[in-house]
Full PDB file with SEQRES, HELIX, SHEET, SSBOND, CRYST1, ORIGX, SCALE, CONECT and MASTER records, all heavy atoms in Angstrom:
SEQRES   1 A   40  LYS GLY ARG PHE THR ILE SER ARG ASP ASN ALA LYS ASN          
SEQRES   2 A   40  THR VAL TYR LEU GLN MET ASN SER LEU LYS PRO GLU ASP          
SEQRES   3 A   40  THR ALA VAL TYR SER CYS ALA ALA HIS ASN ARG GLY TRP          
SEQRES   4 A   40  GLY                                                          
HELIX    1 AA1 PRO A   24  ASP A   26  5                                   3    
SHEET    1 AA1 2 PHE A   4  ASP A   9  0                                        
SHEET    2 AA1 2 THR A  14  MET A  19 -1                                        
CRYST1    1.000    1.000    1.000  90.00  90.00  90.00 P 1           1          
ORIGX1      1.000000  0.000000  0.000000        0.00000                         
ORIGX2      0.000000  1.000000  0.000000        0.00000                         
ORIGX3      0.000000  0.000000  1.000000        0.00000                         
SCALE1      1.000000  0.000000  0.000000        0.00000                         
SCALE2      0.000000  1.000000  0.000000        0.00000                         
SCALE3      0.000000  0.000000  1.000000        0.00000                         
ATOM      1  N   LYS A   1      91.044 163.045  72.630  1.00  0.00           N  
ATOM      2  CA  LYS A   1      90.340 161.939  71.883  1.00  0.00           C  
ATOM      3  C   LYS A   1      89.196 161.439  72.707  1.00  0.00           C  
ATOM      4  O   LYS A   1      89.308 161.146  73.916  1.00  0.00           O  
ATOM      5  CB  LYS A   1      91.329 160.826  71.579  1.00  0.00           C  
ATOM      6  CG  LYS A   1      90.833 159.787  70.604  1.00  0.00           C  
ATOM      7  CD  LYS A   1      91.917 158.815  70.195  1.00  0.00           C  
ATOM      8  CE  LYS A   1      93.076 159.485  69.573  1.00  0.00           C  
ATOM      9  NZ  LYS A   1      94.174 158.512  69.158  1.00  0.00           N  
ATOM     10  N   GLY A   2      88.036 161.345  72.103  1.00  0.00           N  
ATOM     11  CA  GLY A   2      86.816 160.862  72.756  1.00  0.00           C  
ATOM     12  C   GLY A   2      86.067 161.963  73.292  1.00  0.00           C  
ATOM     13  O   GLY A   2      84.855 161.745  73.707  1.00  0.00           O  
ATOM     14  N   ARG A   3      86.575 163.182  73.420  1.00  0.00           N  
ATOM     15  CA  ARG A   3      85.857 164.386  74.027  1.00  0.00           C  
ATOM     16  C   ARG A   3      85.694 165.401  72.948  1.00  0.00           C  
ATOM     17  O   ARG A   3      84.599 166.056  73.034  1.00  0.00           O  
ATOM     18  CB  ARG A   3      86.713 164.927  75.206  1.00  0.00           C  
ATOM     19  CG  ARG A   3      86.885 163.938  76.341  1.00  0.00           C  
ATOM     20  CD  ARG A   3      87.484 164.695  77.543  1.00  0.00           C  
ATOM     21  NE  ARG A   3      88.832 165.180  77.265  1.00  0.00           N  
ATOM     22  CZ  ARG A   3      89.081 166.444  77.384  1.00  0.00           C  
ATOM     23  NH1 ARG A   3      88.192 167.406  77.732  1.00  0.00           N  
ATOM     24  NH2 ARG A   3      90.375 166.916  77.058  1.00  0.00           N  
ATOM     25  N   PHE A   4      86.639 165.615  72.084  1.00  0.00           N  
ATOM     26  CA  PHE A   4      86.487 166.662  71.042  1.00  0.00           C  
ATOM     27  C   PHE A   4      86.137 166.051  69.681  1.00  0.00           C  
ATOM     28  O   PHE A   4      86.633 164.916  69.406  1.00  0.00           O  
ATOM     29  CB  PHE A   4      87.825 167.414  70.925  1.00  0.00           C  
ATOM     30  CG  PHE A   4      88.131 168.332  72.096  1.00  0.00           C  
ATOM     31  CD1 PHE A   4      87.394 168.220  73.295  1.00  0.00           C  
ATOM     32  CD2 PHE A   4      89.204 169.221  72.054  1.00  0.00           C  
ATOM     33  CE1 PHE A   4      87.721 169.048  74.406  1.00  0.00           C  
ATOM     34  CE2 PHE A   4      89.512 169.996  73.114  1.00  0.00           C  
ATOM     35  CZ  PHE A   4      88.819 169.942  74.255  1.00  0.00           C  
ATOM     36  N   THR A   5      85.484 166.766  68.854  1.00  0.00           N  
ATOM     37  CA  THR A   5      85.167 166.363  67.487  1.00  0.00           C  
ATOM     38  C   THR A   5      85.413 167.510  66.533  1.00  0.00           C  
ATOM     39  O   THR A   5      84.912 168.605  66.776  1.00  0.00           O  
ATOM     40  CB  THR A   5      83.744 165.844  67.342  1.00  0.00           C  
ATOM     41  OG1 THR A   5      83.455 164.802  68.218  1.00  0.00           O  
ATOM     42  CG2 THR A   5      83.532 165.386  65.918  1.00  0.00           C  
ATOM     43  N   ILE A   6      86.256 167.273  65.573  1.00  0.00           N  
ATOM     44  CA  ILE A   6      86.542 168.333  64.469  1.00  0.00           C  
ATOM     45  C   ILE A   6      85.686 167.963  63.305  1.00  0.00           C  
ATOM     46  O   ILE A   6      85.503 166.844  62.939  1.00  0.00           O  
ATOM     47  CB  ILE A   6      88.000 168.305  64.116  1.00  0.00           C  
ATOM     48  CG1 ILE A   6      88.262 169.529  63.173  1.00  0.00           C  
ATOM     49  CG2 ILE A   6      88.502 167.013  63.485  1.00  0.00           C  
ATOM     50  CD1 ILE A   6      89.792 169.807  62.949  1.00  0.00           C  
ATOM     51  N   SER A   7      85.102 168.977  62.705  1.00  0.00           N  
ATOM     52  CA  SER A   7      84.260 168.797  61.534  1.00  0.00           C  
ATOM     53  C   SER A   7      84.401 170.022  60.617  1.00  0.00           C  
ATOM     54  O   SER A   7      84.967 171.028  61.034  1.00  0.00           O  
ATOM     55  CB  SER A   7      82.791 168.482  61.923  1.00  0.00           C  
ATOM     56  OG  SER A   7      82.232 169.680  62.594  1.00  0.00           O  
ATOM     57  N   ARG A   8      83.913 169.917  59.447  1.00  0.00           N  
ATOM     58  CA  ARG A   8      83.968 171.104  58.550  1.00  0.00           C  
ATOM     59  C   ARG A   8      82.766 171.120  57.670  1.00  0.00           C  
ATOM     60  O   ARG A   8      82.119 170.065  57.316  1.00  0.00           O  
ATOM     61  CB  ARG A   8      85.245 171.086  57.704  1.00  0.00           C  
ATOM     62  CG  ARG A   8      85.291 169.908  56.656  1.00  0.00           C  
ATOM     63  CD  ARG A   8      86.739 169.860  56.087  1.00  0.00           C  
ATOM     64  NE  ARG A   8      87.142 171.012  55.316  1.00  0.00           N  
ATOM     65  CZ  ARG A   8      88.438 171.312  55.111  1.00  0.00           C  
ATOM     66  NH1 ARG A   8      89.401 170.496  55.484  1.00  0.00           N  
ATOM     67  NH2 ARG A   8      88.678 172.455  54.417  1.00  0.00           N  
ATOM     68  N   ASP A   9      82.385 172.294  57.251  1.00  0.00           N  
ATOM     69  CA  ASP A   9      81.298 172.556  56.362  1.00  0.00           C  
ATOM     70  C   ASP A   9      81.943 173.366  55.225  1.00  0.00           C  
ATOM     71  O   ASP A   9      82.006 174.524  55.306  1.00  0.00           O  
ATOM     72  CB  ASP A   9      80.161 173.246  56.972  1.00  0.00           C  
ATOM     73  CG  ASP A   9      78.926 173.388  56.079  1.00  0.00           C  
ATOM     74  OD1 ASP A   9      79.045 173.258  54.876  1.00  0.00           O  
ATOM     75  OD2 ASP A   9      77.804 173.631  56.606  1.00  0.00           O  
ATOM     76  N   ASN A  10      82.284 172.647  54.113  1.00  0.00           N  
ATOM     77  CA  ASN A  10      82.960 173.397  53.028  1.00  0.00           C  
ATOM     78  C   ASN A  10      82.017 174.436  52.312  1.00  0.00           C  
ATOM     79  O   ASN A  10      82.488 175.382  51.823  1.00  0.00           O  
ATOM     80  CB  ASN A  10      83.532 172.363  52.028  1.00  0.00           C  
ATOM     81  CG  ASN A  10      84.732 171.664  52.560  1.00  0.00           C  
ATOM     82  OD1 ASN A  10      85.303 172.018  53.550  1.00  0.00           O  
ATOM     83  ND2 ASN A  10      85.107 170.568  51.935  1.00  0.00           N  
ATOM     84  N   ALA A  11      80.738 174.177  52.359  1.00  0.00           N  
ATOM     85  CA  ALA A  11      79.764 175.065  51.801  1.00  0.00           C  
ATOM     86  C   ALA A  11      79.744 176.496  52.585  1.00  0.00           C  
ATOM     87  O   ALA A  11      79.498 177.478  51.994  1.00  0.00           O  
ATOM     88  CB  ALA A  11      78.361 174.506  51.712  1.00  0.00           C  
ATOM     89  N   LYS A  12      80.114 176.359  53.799  1.00  0.00           N  
ATOM     90  CA  LYS A  12      80.210 177.613  54.695  1.00  0.00           C  
ATOM     91  C   LYS A  12      81.625 178.095  54.957  1.00  0.00           C  
ATOM     92  O   LYS A  12      81.814 179.022  55.669  1.00  0.00           O  
ATOM     93  CB  LYS A  12      79.454 177.327  55.997  1.00  0.00           C  
ATOM     94  CG  LYS A  12      78.050 177.079  55.881  1.00  0.00           C  
ATOM     95  CD  LYS A  12      77.305 176.835  57.210  1.00  0.00           C  
ATOM     96  CE  LYS A  12      75.891 176.702  57.121  1.00  0.00           C  
ATOM     97  NZ  LYS A  12      75.200 176.508  58.415  1.00  0.00           N  
ATOM     98  N   ASN A  13      82.602 177.372  54.394  1.00  0.00           N  
ATOM     99  CA  ASN A  13      84.031 177.758  54.566  1.00  0.00           C  
ATOM    100  C   ASN A  13      84.333 177.782  56.065  1.00  0.00           C  
ATOM    101  O   ASN A  13      85.038 178.748  56.513  1.00  0.00           O  
ATOM    102  CB  ASN A  13      84.344 179.104  53.872  1.00  0.00           C  
ATOM    103  CG  ASN A  13      84.667 178.925  52.440  1.00  0.00           C  
ATOM    104  OD1 ASN A  13      84.231 178.005  51.750  1.00  0.00           O  
ATOM    105  ND2 ASN A  13      85.385 179.968  51.935  1.00  0.00           N  
ATOM    106  N   THR A  14      83.890 176.813  56.749  1.00  0.00           N  
ATOM    107  CA  THR A  14      84.062 176.801  58.215  1.00  0.00           C  
ATOM    108  C   THR A  14      84.491 175.437  58.748  1.00  0.00           C  
ATOM    109  O   THR A  14      83.901 174.440  58.290  1.00  0.00           O  
ATOM    110  CB  THR A  14      82.708 177.220  58.892  1.00  0.00           C  
ATOM    111  OG1 THR A  14      82.315 178.538  58.433  1.00  0.00           O  
ATOM    112  CG2 THR A  14      82.869 177.293  60.399  1.00  0.00           C  
ATOM    113  N   VAL A  15      85.381 175.480  59.692  1.00  0.00           N  
ATOM    114  CA  VAL A  15      85.765 174.286  60.412  1.00  0.00           C  
ATOM    115  C   VAL A  15      85.304 174.505  61.855  1.00  0.00           C  
ATOM    116  O   VAL A  15      85.359 175.601  62.373  1.00  0.00           O  
ATOM    117  CB  VAL A  15      87.271 173.991  60.241  1.00  0.00           C  
ATOM    118  CG1 VAL A  15      88.096 175.077  60.920  1.00  0.00           C  
ATOM    119  CG2 VAL A  15      87.614 172.632  60.908  1.00  0.00           C  
ATOM    120  N   TYR A  16      84.933 173.354  62.493  1.00  0.00           N  
ATOM    121  CA  TYR A  16      84.413 173.450  63.850  1.00  0.00           C  
ATOM    122  C   TYR A  16      85.187 172.562  64.757  1.00  0.00           C  
ATOM    123  O   TYR A  16      85.796 171.541  64.313  1.00  0.00           O  
ATOM    124  CB  TYR A  16      82.893 172.980  63.901  1.00  0.00           C  
ATOM    125  CG  TYR A  16      81.975 173.725  62.980  1.00  0.00           C  
ATOM    126  CD1 TYR A  16      81.678 173.248  61.722  1.00  0.00           C  
ATOM    127  CD2 TYR A  16      81.427 174.951  63.392  1.00  0.00           C  
ATOM    128  CE1 TYR A  16      80.863 173.941  60.888  1.00  0.00           C  
ATOM    129  CE2 TYR A  16      80.610 175.622  62.545  1.00  0.00           C  
ATOM    130  CZ  TYR A  16      80.280 175.142  61.360  1.00  0.00           C  
ATOM    131  OH  TYR A  16      79.457 175.829  60.472  1.00  0.00           O  
ATOM    132  N   LEU A  17      85.194 172.910  66.009  1.00  0.00           N  
ATOM    133  CA  LEU A  17      85.749 171.995  67.068  1.00  0.00           C  
ATOM    134  C   LEU A  17      84.687 171.916  68.128  1.00  0.00           C  
ATOM    135  O   LEU A  17      84.422 172.834  68.895  1.00  0.00           O  
ATOM    136  CB  LEU A  17      87.046 172.517  67.619  1.00  0.00           C  
ATOM    137  CG  LEU A  17      87.689 171.601  68.639  1.00  0.00           C  
ATOM    138  CD1 LEU A  17      88.212 170.303  67.951  1.00  0.00           C  
ATOM    139  CD2 LEU A  17      88.879 172.322  69.307  1.00  0.00           C  
ATOM    140  N   GLN A  18      84.025 170.766  68.203  1.00  0.00           N  
ATOM    141  CA  GLN A  18      82.994 170.520  69.302  1.00  0.00           C  
ATOM    142  C   GLN A  18      83.792 169.903  70.525  1.00  0.00           C  
ATOM    143  O   GLN A  18      84.453 168.915  70.335  1.00  0.00           O  
ATOM    144  CB  GLN A  18      81.927 169.545  68.804  1.00  0.00           C  
ATOM    145  CG  GLN A  18      80.922 169.133  69.892  1.00  0.00           C  
ATOM    146  CD  GLN A  18      80.063 170.309  70.300  1.00  0.00           C  
ATOM    147  OE1 GLN A  18      79.552 171.041  69.412  1.00  0.00           O  
ATOM    148  NE2 GLN A  18      79.897 170.550  71.562  1.00  0.00           N  
ATOM    149  N   MET A  19      83.670 170.636  71.609  1.00  0.00           N  
ATOM    150  CA  MET A  19      84.400 170.266  72.789  1.00  0.00           C  
ATOM    151  C   MET A  19      83.413 169.843  73.914  1.00  0.00           C  
ATOM    152  O   MET A  19      82.653 170.698  74.387  1.00  0.00           O  
ATOM    153  CB  MET A  19      85.312 171.384  73.237  1.00  0.00           C  
ATOM    154  CG  MET A  19      86.337 171.869  72.198  1.00  0.00           C  
ATOM    155  SD  MET A  19      87.421 173.176  72.790  1.00  0.00           S  
ATOM    156  CE  MET A  19      86.254 174.435  73.186  1.00  0.00           C  
ATOM    157  N   ASN A  20      83.469 168.591  74.275  1.00  0.00           N  
ATOM    158  CA  ASN A  20      82.574 168.137  75.290  1.00  0.00           C  
ATOM    159  C   ASN A  20      83.416 167.682  76.470  1.00  0.00           C  
ATOM    160  O   ASN A  20      84.597 167.411  76.421  1.00  0.00           O  
ATOM    161  CB  ASN A  20      81.742 166.880  74.848  1.00  0.00           C  
ATOM    162  CG  ASN A  20      80.810 167.281  73.681  1.00  0.00           C  
ATOM    163  OD1 ASN A  20      80.333 168.385  73.598  1.00  0.00           O  
ATOM    164  ND2 ASN A  20      80.581 166.326  72.726  1.00  0.00           N  
ATOM    165  N   SER A  21      82.760 167.498  77.595  1.00  0.00           N  
ATOM    166  CA  SER A  21      83.397 166.995  78.875  1.00  0.00           C  
ATOM    167  C   SER A  21      84.672 167.832  79.135  1.00  0.00           C  
ATOM    168  O   SER A  21      85.724 167.304  79.418  1.00  0.00           O  
ATOM    169  CB  SER A  21      83.754 165.531  78.754  1.00  0.00           C  
ATOM    170  OG  SER A  21      82.583 164.732  78.586  1.00  0.00           O  
ATOM    171  N   LEU A  22      84.519 169.114  79.083  1.00  0.00           N  
ATOM    172  CA  LEU A  22      85.638 169.990  79.262  1.00  0.00           C  
ATOM    173  C   LEU A  22      86.256 169.918  80.621  1.00  0.00           C  
ATOM    174  O   LEU A  22      85.595 169.737  81.663  1.00  0.00           O  
ATOM    175  CB  LEU A  22      85.319 171.409  78.865  1.00  0.00           C  
ATOM    176  CG  LEU A  22      85.132 171.755  77.391  1.00  0.00           C  
ATOM    177  CD1 LEU A  22      84.439 173.004  77.216  1.00  0.00           C  
ATOM    178  CD2 LEU A  22      86.526 171.771  76.805  1.00  0.00           C  
ATOM    179  N   LYS A  23      87.602 170.029  80.666  1.00  0.00           N  
ATOM    180  CA  LYS A  23      88.400 169.974  81.939  1.00  0.00           C  
ATOM    181  C   LYS A  23      89.108 171.297  82.056  1.00  0.00           C  
ATOM    182  O   LYS A  23      89.405 171.929  81.154  1.00  0.00           O  
ATOM    183  CB  LYS A  23      89.324 168.793  81.847  1.00  0.00           C  
ATOM    184  CG  LYS A  23      88.772 167.440  81.586  1.00  0.00           C  
ATOM    185  CD  LYS A  23      89.781 166.396  81.432  1.00  0.00           C  
ATOM    186  CE  LYS A  23      89.235 165.022  81.054  1.00  0.00           C  
ATOM    187  NZ  LYS A  23      90.254 164.022  80.886  1.00  0.00           N  
ATOM    188  N   PRO A  24      89.437 171.665  83.345  1.00  0.00           N  
ATOM    189  CA  PRO A  24      90.295 172.865  83.548  1.00  0.00           C  
ATOM    190  C   PRO A  24      91.539 172.831  82.731  1.00  0.00           C  
ATOM    191  O   PRO A  24      91.972 173.924  82.301  1.00  0.00           O  
ATOM    192  CB  PRO A  24      90.491 172.870  85.049  1.00  0.00           C  
ATOM    193  CG  PRO A  24      89.346 172.164  85.678  1.00  0.00           C  
ATOM    194  CD  PRO A  24      88.971 171.016  84.638  1.00  0.00           C  
ATOM    195  N   GLU A  25      92.155 171.720  82.564  1.00  0.00           N  
ATOM    196  CA  GLU A  25      93.411 171.636  81.741  1.00  0.00           C  
ATOM    197  C   GLU A  25      93.192 171.934  80.294  1.00  0.00           C  
ATOM    198  O   GLU A  25      94.191 172.069  79.514  1.00  0.00           O  
ATOM    199  CB  GLU A  25      94.126 170.306  81.960  1.00  0.00           C  
ATOM    200  CG  GLU A  25      93.225 169.080  81.731  1.00  0.00           C  
ATOM    201  CD  GLU A  25      92.682 168.486  83.004  1.00  0.00           C  
ATOM    202  OE1 GLU A  25      92.174 169.335  83.810  1.00  0.00           O  
ATOM    203  OE2 GLU A  25      92.703 167.326  83.198  1.00  0.00           O  
ATOM    204  N   ASP A  26      91.934 172.027  79.829  1.00  0.00           N  
ATOM    205  CA  ASP A  26      91.699 172.434  78.463  1.00  0.00           C  
ATOM    206  C   ASP A  26      91.748 173.910  78.302  1.00  0.00           C  
ATOM    207  O   ASP A  26      91.644 174.419  77.137  1.00  0.00           O  
ATOM    208  CB  ASP A  26      90.296 171.980  78.022  1.00  0.00           C  
ATOM    209  CG  ASP A  26      90.183 170.402  77.928  1.00  0.00           C  
ATOM    210  OD1 ASP A  26      91.122 169.795  77.520  1.00  0.00           O  
ATOM    211  OD2 ASP A  26      89.074 169.924  78.370  1.00  0.00           O  
ATOM    212  N   THR A  27      91.833 174.670  79.389  1.00  0.00           N  
ATOM    213  CA  THR A  27      91.984 176.125  79.276  1.00  0.00           C  
ATOM    214  C   THR A  27      93.175 176.519  78.395  1.00  0.00           C  
ATOM    215  O   THR A  27      94.299 176.125  78.720  1.00  0.00           O  
ATOM    216  CB  THR A  27      92.079 176.756  80.649  1.00  0.00           C  
ATOM    217  OG1 THR A  27      90.803 176.491  81.428  1.00  0.00           O  
ATOM    218  CG2 THR A  27      92.249 178.233  80.576  1.00  0.00           C  
ATOM    219  N   ALA A  28      92.893 177.372  77.403  1.00  0.00           N  
ATOM    220  CA  ALA A  28      93.933 177.739  76.510  1.00  0.00           C  
ATOM    221  C   ALA A  28      93.358 178.704  75.504  1.00  0.00           C  
ATOM    222  O   ALA A  28      92.139 178.851  75.359  1.00  0.00           O  
ATOM    223  CB  ALA A  28      94.622 176.586  75.821  1.00  0.00           C  
ATOM    224  N   VAL A  29      94.281 179.338  74.677  1.00  0.00           N  
ATOM    225  CA  VAL A  29      93.813 179.995  73.464  1.00  0.00           C  
ATOM    226  C   VAL A  29      93.866 179.072  72.366  1.00  0.00           C  
ATOM    227  O   VAL A  29      94.869 178.345  72.091  1.00  0.00           O  
ATOM    228  CB  VAL A  29      94.769 181.181  73.153  1.00  0.00           C  
ATOM    229  CG1 VAL A  29      94.451 181.780  71.797  1.00  0.00           C  
ATOM    230  CG2 VAL A  29      94.693 182.259  74.249  1.00  0.00           C  
ATOM    231  N   TYR A  30      92.727 178.916  71.692  1.00  0.00           N  
ATOM    232  CA  TYR A  30      92.537 177.878  70.650  1.00  0.00           C  
ATOM    233  C   TYR A  30      92.621 178.589  69.279  1.00  0.00           C  
ATOM    234  O   TYR A  30      91.911 179.546  69.003  1.00  0.00           O  
ATOM    235  CB  TYR A  30      91.244 177.084  70.772  1.00  0.00           C  
ATOM    236  CG  TYR A  30      91.194 176.112  71.864  1.00  0.00           C  
ATOM    237  CD1 TYR A  30      91.166 176.457  73.181  1.00  0.00           C  
ATOM    238  CD2 TYR A  30      91.227 174.762  71.465  1.00  0.00           C  
ATOM    239  CE1 TYR A  30      91.186 175.527  74.203  1.00  0.00           C  
ATOM    240  CE2 TYR A  30      91.216 173.813  72.548  1.00  0.00           C  
ATOM    241  CZ  TYR A  30      91.242 174.174  73.862  1.00  0.00           C  
ATOM    242  OH  TYR A  30      91.210 173.200  74.840  1.00  0.00           O  
ATOM    243  N   SER A  31      93.509 178.077  68.401  1.00  0.00           N  
ATOM    244  CA  SER A  31      93.701 178.742  67.161  1.00  0.00           C  
ATOM    245  C   SER A  31      93.476 177.617  66.025  1.00  0.00           C  
ATOM    246  O   SER A  31      93.791 176.526  66.211  1.00  0.00           O  
ATOM    247  CB  SER A  31      95.158 179.224  66.940  1.00  0.00           C  
ATOM    248  OG  SER A  31      95.437 180.181  67.992  1.00  0.00           O  
ATOM    249  N   CYS A  32      92.952 178.063  64.940  1.00  0.00           N  
ATOM    250  CA  CYS A  32      92.798 177.205  63.817  1.00  0.00           C  
ATOM    251  C   CYS A  32      93.907 177.552  62.816  1.00  0.00           C  
ATOM    252  O   CYS A  32      94.512 178.608  62.777  1.00  0.00           O  
ATOM    253  CB  CYS A  32      91.413 177.286  63.125  1.00  0.00           C  
ATOM    254  SG  CYS A  32      90.994 178.882  62.406  1.00  0.00           S  
ATOM    255  N   ALA A  33      94.259 176.517  62.008  1.00  0.00           N  
ATOM    256  CA  ALA A  33      95.422 176.659  61.067  1.00  0.00           C  
ATOM    257  C   ALA A  33      95.020 175.871  59.779  1.00  0.00           C  
ATOM    258  O   ALA A  33      94.225 174.967  59.777  1.00  0.00           O  
ATOM    259  CB  ALA A  33      96.663 176.184  61.740  1.00  0.00           C  
ATOM    260  N   ALA A  34      95.778 176.208  58.700  1.00  0.00           N  
ATOM    261  CA  ALA A  34      95.465 175.586  57.427  1.00  0.00           C  
ATOM    262  C   ALA A  34      96.816 175.393  56.643  1.00  0.00           C  
ATOM    263  O   ALA A  34      97.773 176.129  56.823  1.00  0.00           O  
ATOM    264  CB  ALA A  34      94.620 176.496  56.617  1.00  0.00           C  
ATOM    265  N   HIS A  35      96.790 174.311  55.871  1.00  0.00           N  
ATOM    266  CA  HIS A  35      97.899 174.114  54.891  1.00  0.00           C  
ATOM    267  C   HIS A  35      97.209 173.419  53.644  1.00  0.00           C  
ATOM    268  O   HIS A  35      96.145 172.783  53.813  1.00  0.00           O  
ATOM    269  CB  HIS A  35      99.051 173.307  55.478  1.00  0.00           C  
ATOM    270  CG  HIS A  35      98.769 171.922  55.717  1.00  0.00           C  
ATOM    271  ND1 HIS A  35      98.694 170.905  54.692  1.00  0.00           N  
ATOM    272  CD2 HIS A  35      98.538 171.256  56.893  1.00  0.00           C  
ATOM    273  CE1 HIS A  35      98.411 169.783  55.240  1.00  0.00           C  
ATOM    274  NE2 HIS A  35      98.351 169.913  56.577  1.00  0.00           N  
ATOM    275  N   ASN A  36      97.902 173.524  52.503  1.00  0.00           N  
ATOM    276  CA  ASN A  36      97.343 172.958  51.311  1.00  0.00           C  
ATOM    277  C   ASN A  36      98.242 171.903  50.670  1.00  0.00           C  
ATOM    278  O   ASN A  36      98.227 171.737  49.478  1.00  0.00           O  
ATOM    279  CB  ASN A  36      97.029 174.060  50.300  1.00  0.00           C  
ATOM    280  CG  ASN A  36      98.221 174.837  49.902  1.00  0.00           C  
ATOM    281  OD1 ASN A  36      99.368 174.578  50.312  1.00  0.00           O  
ATOM    282  ND2 ASN A  36      97.989 175.854  49.091  1.00  0.00           N  
ATOM    283  N   ARG A  37      99.103 171.294  51.523  1.00  0.00           N  
ATOM    284  CA  ARG A  37     100.044 170.285  50.983  1.00  0.00           C  
ATOM    285  C   ARG A  37      99.632 168.868  51.210  1.00  0.00           C  
ATOM    286  O   ARG A  37     100.387 167.920  50.986  1.00  0.00           O  
ATOM    287  CB  ARG A  37     101.406 170.557  51.593  1.00  0.00           C  
ATOM    288  CG  ARG A  37     101.986 171.891  51.268  1.00  0.00           C  
ATOM    289  CD  ARG A  37     103.398 172.060  51.735  1.00  0.00           C  
ATOM    290  NE  ARG A  37     103.438 172.036  53.234  1.00  0.00           N  
ATOM    291  CZ  ARG A  37     103.260 173.024  53.982  1.00  0.00           C  
ATOM    292  NH1 ARG A  37     102.848 174.273  53.457  1.00  0.00           N  
ATOM    293  NH2 ARG A  37     103.292 172.974  55.253  1.00  0.00           N  
ATOM    294  N   GLY A  38      98.393 168.662  51.572  1.00  0.00           N  
ATOM    295  CA  GLY A  38      97.830 167.340  51.652  1.00  0.00           C  
ATOM    296  C   GLY A  38      97.798 166.762  53.041  1.00  0.00           C  
ATOM    297  O   GLY A  38      98.544 167.175  53.900  1.00  0.00           O  
ATOM    298  N   TRP A  39      96.933 165.764  53.180  1.00  0.00           N  
ATOM    299  CA  TRP A  39      96.789 165.060  54.442  1.00  0.00           C  
ATOM    300  C   TRP A  39      98.115 164.360  54.831  1.00  0.00           C  
ATOM    301  O   TRP A  39      98.698 163.721  54.053  1.00  0.00           O  
ATOM    302  CB  TRP A  39      95.634 164.120  54.350  1.00  0.00           C  
ATOM    303  CG  TRP A  39      95.347 163.351  55.572  1.00  0.00           C  
ATOM    304  CD1 TRP A  39      95.491 161.967  55.796  1.00  0.00           C  
ATOM    305  CD2 TRP A  39      94.736 163.869  56.788  1.00  0.00           C  
ATOM    306  NE1 TRP A  39      95.078 161.650  57.078  1.00  0.00           N  
ATOM    307  CE2 TRP A  39      94.610 162.764  57.674  1.00  0.00           C  
ATOM    308  CE3 TRP A  39      94.321 165.154  57.195  1.00  0.00           C  
ATOM    309  CZ2 TRP A  39      94.106 162.974  59.001  1.00  0.00           C  
ATOM    310  CZ3 TRP A  39      93.787 165.290  58.474  1.00  0.00           C  
ATOM    311  CH2 TRP A  39      93.703 164.196  59.346  1.00  0.00           C  
ATOM    312  N   GLY A  40      98.491 164.466  56.060  1.00  0.00           N  
ATOM    313  CA  GLY A  40      99.730 163.894  56.495  1.00  0.00           C  
ATOM    314  C   GLY A  40     100.840 164.843  56.785  1.00  0.00           C  
ATOM    315  O   GLY A  40     101.779 164.539  57.444  1.00  0.00           O  
TER     316      GLY A  40                                                      
MASTER        0    0    0    1    2    0    0    6  315    1    0    4          
END                                                                             
C-alpha cells in the first residue's frame, strides 16, 4: 500500500500493476488472476 497501484484498461483487456519504490522483499513471481463473482 502506497507503493503499488493497480489499474485496468477495459478497452485493451489489460490490467496493470505499477510498482514503485521497489524493495528486495518484493522479489517474486507475480501472477494475475480473475473471477466473475463480484467485488468482495
